[in-house]
Amino acid sequence: MSNIVKAEKEIKKALGTKCACYVLITCTEPSADGKMEVEMDFDGDSDLAAFLVENAVQVFDDRFNRRESR
């Protein structure tokens, strides 16, 4: 069983039944050549999952821009 599957089971249990959707993105530590394995999974409506990811990108962009403007 992969780490993401194990984590997903624990996340579902922790979130309970009121969670409409979640997105889980994980990555491994970098290998010697700098490569990392990235996995993504979600539970819930795919449009809602896409909305969550798009909004998360905006949050990261805003934080990056604030940090760069200092």
PDB file of N, CA and C in Angstrom:
ATOM      1  N   MET A   1       0.849  -1.175   0.000  1.00  0.00           N
ATOM      2  CA  MET A   1       0.000   0.000   0.000  1.00  0.00           C
ATOM      3  C   MET A   1       0.896   1.241   0.000  1.00  0.00           C
ATOM      4  N   SER A   2       0.643   2.168  -0.908  1.00  0.00           N
ATOM      5  CA  SER A   2       1.473   3.369  -1.008  1.00  0.00           C
ATOM      6  C   SER A   2       1.218   4.301   0.164  1.00  0.00           C
ATOM      7  N   ASN A   3       2.167   5.189   0.387  1.00  0.00           N
ATOM      8  CA  ASN A   3       2.031   6.166   1.471  1.00  0.00           C
ATOM      9  C   ASN A   3       0.819   7.056   1.272  1.00  0.00           C
ATOM     10  N   ILE A   4       0.520   7.406   0.016  1.00  0.00           N
ATOM     11  CA  ILE A   4      -0.614   8.292  -0.238  1.00  0.00           C
ATOM     12  C   ILE A   4      -1.926   7.589   0.111  1.00  0.00           C
ATOM     13  N   VAL A   5      -2.017   6.298  -0.155  1.00  0.00           N
ATOM     14  CA  VAL A   5      -3.241   5.558   0.179  1.00  0.00           C
ATOM     15  C   VAL A   5      -3.407   5.487   1.688  1.00  0.00           C
ATOM     16  N   LYS A   6      -2.314   5.243   2.407  1.00  0.00           N
ATOM     17  CA  LYS A   6      -2.366   5.214   3.875  1.00  0.00           C
ATOM     18  C   LYS A   6      -2.778   6.580   4.419  1.00  0.00           C
ATOM     19  N   ALA A   7      -2.152   7.622   3.901  1.00  0.00           N
ATOM     20  CA  ALA A   7      -2.462   8.978   4.365  1.00  0.00           C
ATOM     21  C   ALA A   7      -3.906   9.334   4.048  1.00  0.00           C
ATOM     22  N   GLU A   8      -4.361   8.938   2.874  1.00  0.00           N
ATOM     23  CA  GLU A   8      -5.733   9.260   2.479  1.00  0.00           C
ATOM     24  C   GLU A   8      -6.750   8.630   3.419  1.00  0.00           C
ATOM     25  N   LYS A   9      -6.517   7.413   3.827  1.00  0.00           N
ATOM     26  CA  LYS A   9      -7.432   6.754   4.767  1.00  0.00           C
ATOM     27  C   LYS A   9      -7.486   7.512   6.090  1.00  0.00           C
ATOM     28  N   GLU A  10      -6.333   7.952   6.580  1.00  0.00           N
ATOM     29  CA  GLU A  10      -6.301   8.703   7.836  1.00  0.00           C
ATOM     30  C   GLU A  10      -6.937  10.074   7.678  1.00  0.00           C
ATOM     31  N   ILE A  11      -6.724  10.712   6.543  1.00  0.00           N
ATOM     32  CA  ILE A  11      -7.312  12.031   6.295  1.00  0.00           C
ATOM     33  C   ILE A  11      -8.830  11.923   6.245  1.00  0.00           C
ATOM     34  N   LYS A  12      -9.349  10.943   5.528  1.00  0.00           N
ATOM     35  CA  LYS A  12     -10.803  10.761   5.454  1.00  0.00           C
ATOM     36  C   LYS A  12     -11.394  10.571   6.844  1.00  0.00           C
ATOM     37  N   LYS A  13     -10.717   9.786   7.650  1.00  0.00           N
ATOM     38  CA  LYS A  13     -11.197   9.539   9.017  1.00  0.00           C
ATOM     39  C   LYS A  13     -11.177  10.840   9.824  1.00  0.00           C
ATOM     40  N   ALA A  14     -10.097  11.609   9.697  1.00  0.00           N
ATOM     41  CA  ALA A  14      -9.964  12.851  10.460  1.00  0.00           C
ATOM     42  C   ALA A  14     -10.958  13.913   9.995  1.00  0.00           C
ATOM     43  N   LEU A  15     -11.255  13.967   8.698  1.00  0.00           N
ATOM     44  CA  LEU A  15     -12.160  14.983   8.175  1.00  0.00           C
ATOM     45  C   LEU A  15     -13.618  14.701   8.505  1.00  0.00           C
ATOM     46  N   GLY A  16     -13.950  13.455   8.676  1.00  0.00           N
ATOM     47  CA  GLY A  16     -15.338  13.103   8.980  1.00  0.00           C
ATOM     48  C   GLY A  16     -16.221  13.205   7.754  1.00  0.00           C
ATOM     49  N   THR A  17     -17.502  13.314   7.970  1.00  0.00           N
ATOM     50  CA  THR A  17     -18.459  13.262   6.863  1.00  0.00           C
ATOM     51  C   THR A  17     -18.847  14.635   6.322  1.00  0.00           C
ATOM     52  N   LYS A  18     -18.441  15.705   6.959  1.00  0.00           N
ATOM     53  CA  LYS A  18     -18.869  17.044   6.527  1.00  0.00           C
ATOM     54  C   LYS A  18     -17.974  17.647   5.445  1.00  0.00           C
ATOM     55  N   CYS A  19     -16.907  16.968   5.083  1.00  0.00           N
ATOM     56  CA  CYS A  19     -15.971  17.481   4.079  1.00  0.00           C
ATOM     57  C   CYS A  19     -16.524  17.162   2.683  1.00  0.00           C
ATOM     58  N   ALA A  20     -16.753  18.201   1.887  1.00  0.00           N
ATOM     59  CA  ALA A  20     -17.294  18.011   0.540  1.00  0.00           C
ATOM     60  C   ALA A  20     -16.220  17.568  -0.442  1.00  0.00           C
ATOM     61  N   CYS A  21     -14.986  17.977  -0.211  1.00  0.00           N
ATOM     62  CA  CYS A  21     -13.929  17.679  -1.165  1.00  0.00           C
ATOM     63  C   CYS A  21     -12.581  17.968  -0.528  1.00  0.00           C
ATOM     64  N   TYR A  22     -11.568  17.224  -0.933  1.00  0.00           N
ATOM     65  CA  TYR A  22     -10.203  17.557  -0.556  1.00  0.00           C
ATOM     66  C   TYR A  22      -9.264  17.136  -1.674  1.00  0.00           C
ATOM     67  N   VAL A  23      -8.083  17.764  -1.691  1.00  0.00           N
ATOM     68  CA  VAL A  23      -7.024  17.437  -2.637  1.00  0.00           C
ATOM     69  C   VAL A  23      -5.779  17.151  -1.808  1.00  0.00           C
ATOM     70  N   LEU A  24      -5.133  16.046  -2.112  1.00  0.00           N
ATOM     71  CA  LEU A  24      -3.916  15.662  -1.403  1.00  0.00           C
ATOM     72  C   LEU A  24      -2.781  15.578  -2.413  1.00  0.00           C
ATOM     73  N   ILE A  25      -1.732  16.366  -2.197  1.00  0.00           N
ATOM     74  CA  ILE A  25      -0.559  16.360  -3.053  1.00  0.00           C
ATOM     75  C   ILE A  25       0.639  16.021  -2.182  1.00  0.00           C
ATOM     76  N   THR A  26       1.394  15.012  -2.585  1.00  0.00           N
ATOM     77  CA  THR A  26       2.564  14.595  -1.831  1.00  0.00           C
ATOM     78  C   THR A  26       3.758  14.466  -2.764  1.00  0.00           C
ATOM     79  N   CYS A  27       4.950  14.512  -2.173  1.00  0.00           N
ATOM     80  CA  CYS A  27       6.162  14.260  -2.952  1.00  0.00           C
ATOM     81  C   CYS A  27       7.186  13.564  -2.061  1.00  0.00           C
ATOM     82  N   THR A  28       8.069  12.833  -2.730  1.00  0.00           N
ATOM     83  CA  THR A  28       9.140  12.152  -2.017  1.00  0.00           C
ATOM     84  C   THR A  28      10.292  13.131  -1.800  1.00  0.00           C
ATOM     85  N   GLU A  29      11.221  12.744  -0.964  1.00  0.00           N
ATOM     86  CA  GLU A  29      12.463  13.494  -0.825  1.00  0.00           C
ATOM     87  C   GLU A  29      13.196  13.419  -2.166  1.00  0.00           C
ATOM     88  N   PRO A  30      13.979  14.429  -2.501  1.00  0.00           N
ATOM     89  CA  PRO A  30      14.716  14.373  -3.770  1.00  0.00           C
ATOM     90  C   PRO A  30      15.742  13.243  -3.767  1.00  0.00           C
ATOM     91  N   SER A  31      15.881  12.598  -4.920  1.00  0.00           N
ATOM     92  CA  SER A  31      16.901  11.569  -5.080  1.00  0.00           C
ATOM     93  C   SER A  31      18.252  12.259  -5.281  1.00  0.00           C
ATOM     94  N   ALA A  32      19.282  11.477  -5.441  1.00  0.00           N
ATOM     95  CA  ALA A  32      20.627  12.026  -5.625  1.00  0.00           C
ATOM     96  C   ALA A  32      20.698  12.943  -6.844  1.00  0.00           C
ATOM     97  N   ASP A  33      19.897  12.642  -7.868  1.00  0.00           N
ATOM     98  CA  ASP A  33      19.908  13.481  -9.075  1.00  0.00           C
ATOM     99  C   ASP A  33      18.873  14.606  -9.020  1.00  0.00           C
ATOM    100  N   GLY A  34      18.228  14.786  -7.850  1.00  0.00           N
ATOM    101  CA  GLY A  34      17.311  15.902  -7.650  1.00  0.00           C
ATOM    102  C   GLY A  34      15.877  15.647  -8.056  1.00  0.00           C
ATOM    103  N   LYS A  35      15.566  14.433  -8.499  1.00  0.00           N
ATOM    104  CA  LYS A  35      14.203  14.136  -8.930  1.00  0.00           C
ATOM    105  C   LYS A  35      13.337  13.736  -7.739  1.00  0.00           C
ATOM    106  N   MET A  36      12.067  14.122  -7.826  1.00  0.00           N
ATOM    107  CA  MET A  36      11.099  13.805  -6.785  1.00  0.00           C
ATOM    108  C   MET A  36       9.871  13.195  -7.442  1.00  0.00           C
ATOM    109  N   GLU A  37       9.265  12.235  -6.771  1.00  0.00           N
ATOM    110  CA  GLU A  37       8.014  11.669  -7.258  1.00  0.00           C
ATOM    111  C   GLU A  37       6.865  12.439  -6.619  1.00  0.00           C
ATOM    112  N   VAL A  38       5.951  12.911  -7.451  1.00  0.00           N
ATOM    113  CA  VAL A  38       4.807  13.680  -6.977  1.00  0.00           C
ATOM    114  C   VAL A  38       3.541  12.880  -7.254  1.00  0.00           C
ATOM    115  N   GLU A  39       2.682  12.801  -6.252  1.00  0.00           N
ATOM    116  CA  GLU A  39       1.398  12.133  -6.397  1.00  0.00           C
ATOM    117  C   GLU A  39       0.293  13.093  -5.983  1.00  0.00           C
ATOM    118  N   MET A  40      -0.841  12.990  -6.647  1.00  0.00           N
ATOM    119  CA  MET A  40      -1.993  13.801  -6.277  1.00  0.00           C
ATOM    120  C   MET A  40      -3.231  12.922  -6.332  1.00  0.00           C
ATOM    121  N   ASP A  41      -4.085  13.104  -5.368  1.00  0.00           N
ATOM    122  CA  ASP A  41      -5.368  12.416  -5.350  1.00  0.00           C
ATOM    123  C   ASP A  41      -6.386  13.377  -4.763  1.00  0.00           C
ATOM    124  N   PHE A  42      -7.643  13.131  -5.039  1.00  0.00           N
ATOM    125  CA  PHE A  42      -8.696  13.953  -4.456  1.00  0.00           C
ATOM    126  C   PHE A  42      -9.914  13.082  -4.223  1.00  0.00           C
ATOM    127  N   ASP A  43     -10.777  13.590  -3.392  1.00  0.00           N
ATOM    128  CA  ASP A  43     -12.047  12.925  -3.140  1.00  0.00           C
ATOM    129  C   ASP A  43     -13.122  13.987  -3.200  1.00  0.00           C
ATOM    130  N   GLY A  44     -14.169  13.712  -3.931  1.00  0.00           N
ATOM    131  CA  GLY A  44     -15.252  14.666  -4.104  1.00  0.00           C
ATOM    132  C   GLY A  44     -15.419  15.005  -5.569  1.00  0.00           C
ATOM    133  N   ASP A  45     -16.188  16.011  -5.835  1.00  0.00           N
ATOM    134  CA  ASP A  45     -16.477  16.447  -7.195  1.00  0.00           C
ATOM    135  C   ASP A  45     -15.208  16.958  -7.875  1.00  0.00           C
ATOM    136  N   SER A  46     -14.950  16.529  -9.107  1.00  0.00           N
ATOM    137  CA  SER A  46     -13.721  16.928  -9.797  1.00  0.00           C
ATOM    138  C   SER A  46     -13.680  18.427 -10.085  1.00  0.00           C
ATOM    139  N   ASP A  47     -14.823  19.040 -10.373  1.00  0.00           N
ATOM    140  CA  ASP A  47     -14.838  20.491 -10.597  1.00  0.00           C
ATOM    141  C   ASP A  47     -14.490  21.244  -9.314  1.00  0.00           C
ATOM    142  N   LEU A  48     -14.999  20.771  -8.206  1.00  0.00           N
ATOM    143  CA  LEU A  48     -14.681  21.398  -6.922  1.00  0.00           C
ATOM    144  C   LEU A  48     -13.209  21.198  -6.579  1.00  0.00           C
ATOM    145  N   ALA A  49     -12.667  20.030  -6.858  1.00  0.00           N
ATOM    146  CA  ALA A  49     -11.244  19.774  -6.612  1.00  0.00           C
ATOM    147  C   ALA A  49     -10.390  20.721  -7.456  1.00  0.00           C
ATOM    148  N   ALA A  50     -10.764  20.908  -8.713  1.00  0.00           N
ATOM    149  CA  ALA A  50     -10.034  21.829  -9.588  1.00  0.00           C
ATOM    150  C   ALA A  50     -10.121  23.255  -9.052  1.00  0.00           C
ATOM    151  N   PHE A  51     -11.281  23.635  -8.569  1.00  0.00           N
ATOM    152  CA  PHE A  51     -11.470  24.963  -7.976  1.00  0.00           C
ATOM    153  C   PHE A  51     -10.550  25.148  -6.770  1.00  0.00           C
ATOM    154  N   LEU A  52     -10.451  24.123  -5.922  1.00  0.00           N
ATOM    155  CA  LEU A  52      -9.573  24.203  -4.751  1.00  0.00           C
ATOM    156  C   LEU A  52      -8.125  24.388  -5.168  1.00  0.00           C
ATOM    157  N   VAL A  53      -7.680  23.632  -6.165  1.00  0.00           N
ATOM    158  CA  VAL A  53      -6.292  23.730  -6.622  1.00  0.00           C
ATOM    159  C   VAL A  53      -6.028  25.100  -7.243  1.00  0.00           C
ATOM    160  N   GLU A  54      -6.942  25.583  -8.072  1.00  0.00           N
ATOM    161  CA  GLU A  54      -6.767  26.891  -8.700  1.00  0.00           C
ATOM    162  C   GLU A  54      -6.679  27.996  -7.655  1.00  0.00           C
ATOM    163  N   ASN A  55      -7.502  27.922  -6.642  1.00  0.00           N
ATOM    164  CA  ASN A  55      -7.460  28.932  -5.589  1.00  0.00           C
ATOM    165  C   ASN A  55      -6.203  28.800  -4.738  1.00  0.00           C
ATOM    166  N   ALA A  56      -5.733  27.582  -4.540  1.00  0.00           N
ATOM    167  CA  ALA A  56      -4.485  27.395  -3.801  1.00  0.00           C
ATOM    168  C   ALA A  56      -3.322  28.018  -4.563  1.00  0.00           C
ATOM    169  N   VAL A  57      -3.310  27.873  -5.872  1.00  0.00           N
ATOM    170  CA  VAL A  57      -2.258  28.500  -6.688  1.00  0.00           C
ATOM    171  C   VAL A  57      -2.289  30.011  -6.487  1.00  0.00           C
ATOM    172  N   GLN A  58      -3.467  30.595  -6.460  1.00  0.00           N
ATOM    173  CA  GLN A  58      -3.589  32.044  -6.262  1.00  0.00           C
ATOM    174  C   GLN A  58      -3.040  32.465  -4.899  1.00  0.00           C
ATOM    175  N   VAL A  59      -3.307  31.679  -3.875  1.00  0.00           N
ATOM    176  CA  VAL A  59      -2.792  31.978  -2.537  1.00  0.00           C
ATOM    177  C   VAL A  59      -1.267  31.956  -2.556  1.00  0.00           C
ATOM    178  N   PHE A  60      -0.680  30.921  -3.167  1.00  0.00           N
ATOM    179  CA  PHE A  60       0.776  30.842  -3.240  1.00  0.00           C
ATOM    180  C   PHE A  60       1.351  31.999  -4.049  1.00  0.00           C
ATOM    181  N   ASP A  61       0.722  32.326  -5.166  1.00  0.00           N
ATOM    182  CA  ASP A  61       1.182  33.459  -5.988  1.00  0.00           C
ATOM    183  C   ASP A  61       1.142  34.764  -5.199  1.00  0.00           C
ATOM    184  N   ASP A  62       0.055  34.998  -4.476  1.00  0.00           N
ATOM    185  CA  ASP A  62      -0.070  36.218  -3.679  1.00  0.00           C
ATOM    186  C   ASP A  62       1.022  36.296  -2.611  1.00  0.00           C
ATOM    187  N   ARG A  63       1.270  35.188  -1.926  1.00  0.00           N
ATOM    188  CA  ARG A  63       2.311  35.171  -0.895  1.00  0.00           C
ATOM    189  C   ARG A  63       3.681  35.395  -1.503  1.00  0.00           C
ATOM    190  N   PHE A  64       3.944  34.770  -2.646  1.00  0.00           N
ATOM    191  CA  PHE A  64       5.220  34.952  -3.320  1.00  0.00           C
ATOM    192  C   PHE A  64       5.409  36.414  -3.727  1.00  0.00           C
ATOM    193  N   ASN A  65       4.363  37.018  -4.295  1.00  0.00           N
ATOM    194  CA  ASN A  65       4.445  38.410  -4.735  1.00  0.00           C
ATOM    195  C   ASN A  65       4.658  39.358  -3.561  1.00  0.00           C
ATOM    196  N   ARG A  66       4.005  39.096  -2.422  1.00  0.00           N
ATOM    197  CA  ARG A  66       4.212  39.942  -1.238  1.00  0.00           C
ATOM    198  C   ARG A  66       5.649  39.822  -0.740  1.00  0.00           C
ATOM    199  N   ARG A  67       6.168  38.599  -0.752  1.00  0.00           N
ATOM    200  CA  ARG A  67       7.530  38.367  -0.281  1.00  0.00           C
ATOM    201  C   ARG A  67       8.540  39.036  -1.215  1.00  0.00           C
ATOM    202  N   GLU A  68       8.301  38.978  -2.508  1.00  0.00           N
ATOM    203  CA  GLU A  68       9.191  39.581  -3.492  1.00  0.00           C
ATOM    204  C   GLU A  68       9.159  41.117  -3.443  1.00  0.00           C
ATOM    205  N   SER A  69       8.041  41.689  -3.017  1.00  0.00           N
ATOM    206  CA  SER A  69       7.911  43.151  -3.010  1.00  0.00           C
ATOM    207  C   SER A  69       8.534  43.796  -1.776  1.00  0.00           C
ATOM    208  N   ARG A  70       9.021  42.997  -0.857  1.00  0.00           N
ATOM    209  CA  ARG A  70       9.643  43.550   0.367  1.00  0.00           C
ATOM    210  C   ARG A  70      11.003  44.108   0.088  1.00  0.00           C
TER     211      ARG A  70
END
